[in-house]
């Protein structure tokens, strides 16, 4: 298939394929489930900061907890992938 960068259907089709691959690879690991609430909070804060109308009053209030959760997520990725991931 030759894709067209101006066709949103192509963007969605390719993204869906990548998500299905990630789901198959990582969904079987229960360690991701434990991190899901923290990742949802992080995502909510991202949207609040980057799009008009978001409530930013609590953004950053749980920074230390989210930083620890992201570190744990990287630990899981490293374990599943079998290689080290560069960290800031």
Protein backbone atom coordinates (compact mmCIF):
# COMPACT_ATOMS: atom_id res chain seq x y z
CA UNK A 1 0.00 0.00 0.00
CA UNK A 2 1.33 3.43 -0.88
CA UNK A 3 0.35 5.85 1.84
CA UNK A 4 -0.61 9.49 1.48
CA UNK A 5 0.47 11.70 4.38
CA UNK A 6 -2.52 13.97 3.78
CA UNK A 7 -5.02 11.11 4.10
CA UNK A 8 -6.13 10.72 7.75
CA UNK A 9 -7.43 7.21 7.01
CA UNK A 10 -3.87 6.10 6.29
CA UNK A 11 -2.64 7.62 9.57
CA UNK A 12 -5.34 5.79 11.53
CA UNK A 13 -4.81 2.50 9.71
CA UNK A 14 -1.06 2.50 10.35
CA UNK A 15 -1.50 3.59 13.98
CA UNK A 16 -4.05 0.82 14.55
CA UNK A 17 -1.56 -1.74 13.27
CA UNK A 18 1.13 -0.49 15.64
CA UNK A 19 -1.29 -0.54 18.57
CA UNK A 20 -2.35 -4.12 17.80
CA UNK A 21 1.31 -5.17 17.77
CA UNK A 22 1.98 -3.43 21.08
CA UNK A 23 -1.14 -4.97 22.62
CA UNK A 24 -0.02 -8.46 21.65
CA UNK A 25 3.47 -7.92 23.00
CA UNK A 26 2.71 -6.16 26.26
CA UNK A 27 -0.89 -7.02 27.21
CA UNK A 28 0.11 -10.39 28.63
CA UNK A 29 2.31 -8.78 31.30
CA UNK A 30 0.30 -7.96 34.47
CA UNK A 31 2.92 -5.41 35.57
CA UNK A 32 1.40 -2.97 33.08
CA UNK A 33 -1.99 -3.20 34.80
CA UNK A 34 -0.50 -1.96 38.08
CA UNK A 35 0.90 1.11 36.33
CA UNK A 36 -2.27 1.95 34.41
CA UNK A 37 -3.77 4.42 36.95
CA UNK A 38 -0.56 6.46 37.08
CA UNK A 39 -0.28 6.52 33.29
CA UNK A 40 -3.91 7.70 33.05
CA UNK A 41 -3.16 10.55 35.49
CA UNK A 42 -0.08 11.49 33.48
CA UNK A 43 -2.09 11.48 30.26
CA UNK A 44 -4.85 13.60 31.83
CA UNK A 45 -2.25 16.15 32.95
CA UNK A 46 -0.68 16.20 29.48
CA UNK A 47 -4.03 16.97 27.83
CA UNK A 48 -4.88 19.61 30.43
CA UNK A 49 -1.60 21.41 29.75
CA UNK A 50 -1.64 21.20 25.98
CA UNK A 51 -5.24 21.89 25.01
CA UNK A 52 -7.44 24.88 25.93
CA UNK A 53 -10.04 24.44 28.62
CA UNK A 54 -8.13 21.91 30.72
CA UNK A 55 -8.01 22.14 34.50
CA UNK A 56 -4.35 22.63 35.34
CA UNK A 57 -4.85 23.21 39.08
CA UNK A 58 -3.50 19.78 40.01
CA UNK A 59 -0.83 19.45 37.32
CA UNK A 60 2.44 18.50 38.96
CA UNK A 61 0.95 17.92 42.39
CA UNK A 62 1.86 14.23 42.20
CA UNK A 63 5.13 14.71 40.31
CA UNK A 64 7.21 12.42 42.53
CA UNK A 65 4.68 9.60 42.34
CA UNK A 66 4.36 9.89 38.57
CA UNK A 67 8.14 10.05 38.11
CA UNK A 68 8.47 6.85 40.15
CA UNK A 69 5.70 5.20 38.11
CA UNK A 70 7.39 6.16 34.82
CA UNK A 71 10.64 4.67 36.15
CA UNK A 72 8.77 1.47 36.98
CA UNK A 73 7.24 1.46 33.50
CA UNK A 74 10.70 1.74 31.95
CA UNK A 75 11.83 -1.15 34.17
CA UNK A 76 8.99 -3.27 32.75
CA UNK A 77 9.83 -2.29 29.18
CA UNK A 78 13.48 -3.16 29.74
CA UNK A 79 12.50 -6.51 31.18
CA UNK A 80 10.16 -7.34 28.31
CA UNK A 81 12.51 -6.06 25.60
CA UNK A 82 15.64 -7.52 27.16
CA UNK A 83 17.67 -4.35 26.78
CA UNK A 84 18.42 -1.11 28.61
CA UNK A 85 16.53 2.07 27.77
CA UNK A 86 18.34 5.41 27.99
CA UNK A 87 16.97 7.57 30.81
CA UNK A 88 17.37 11.29 31.40
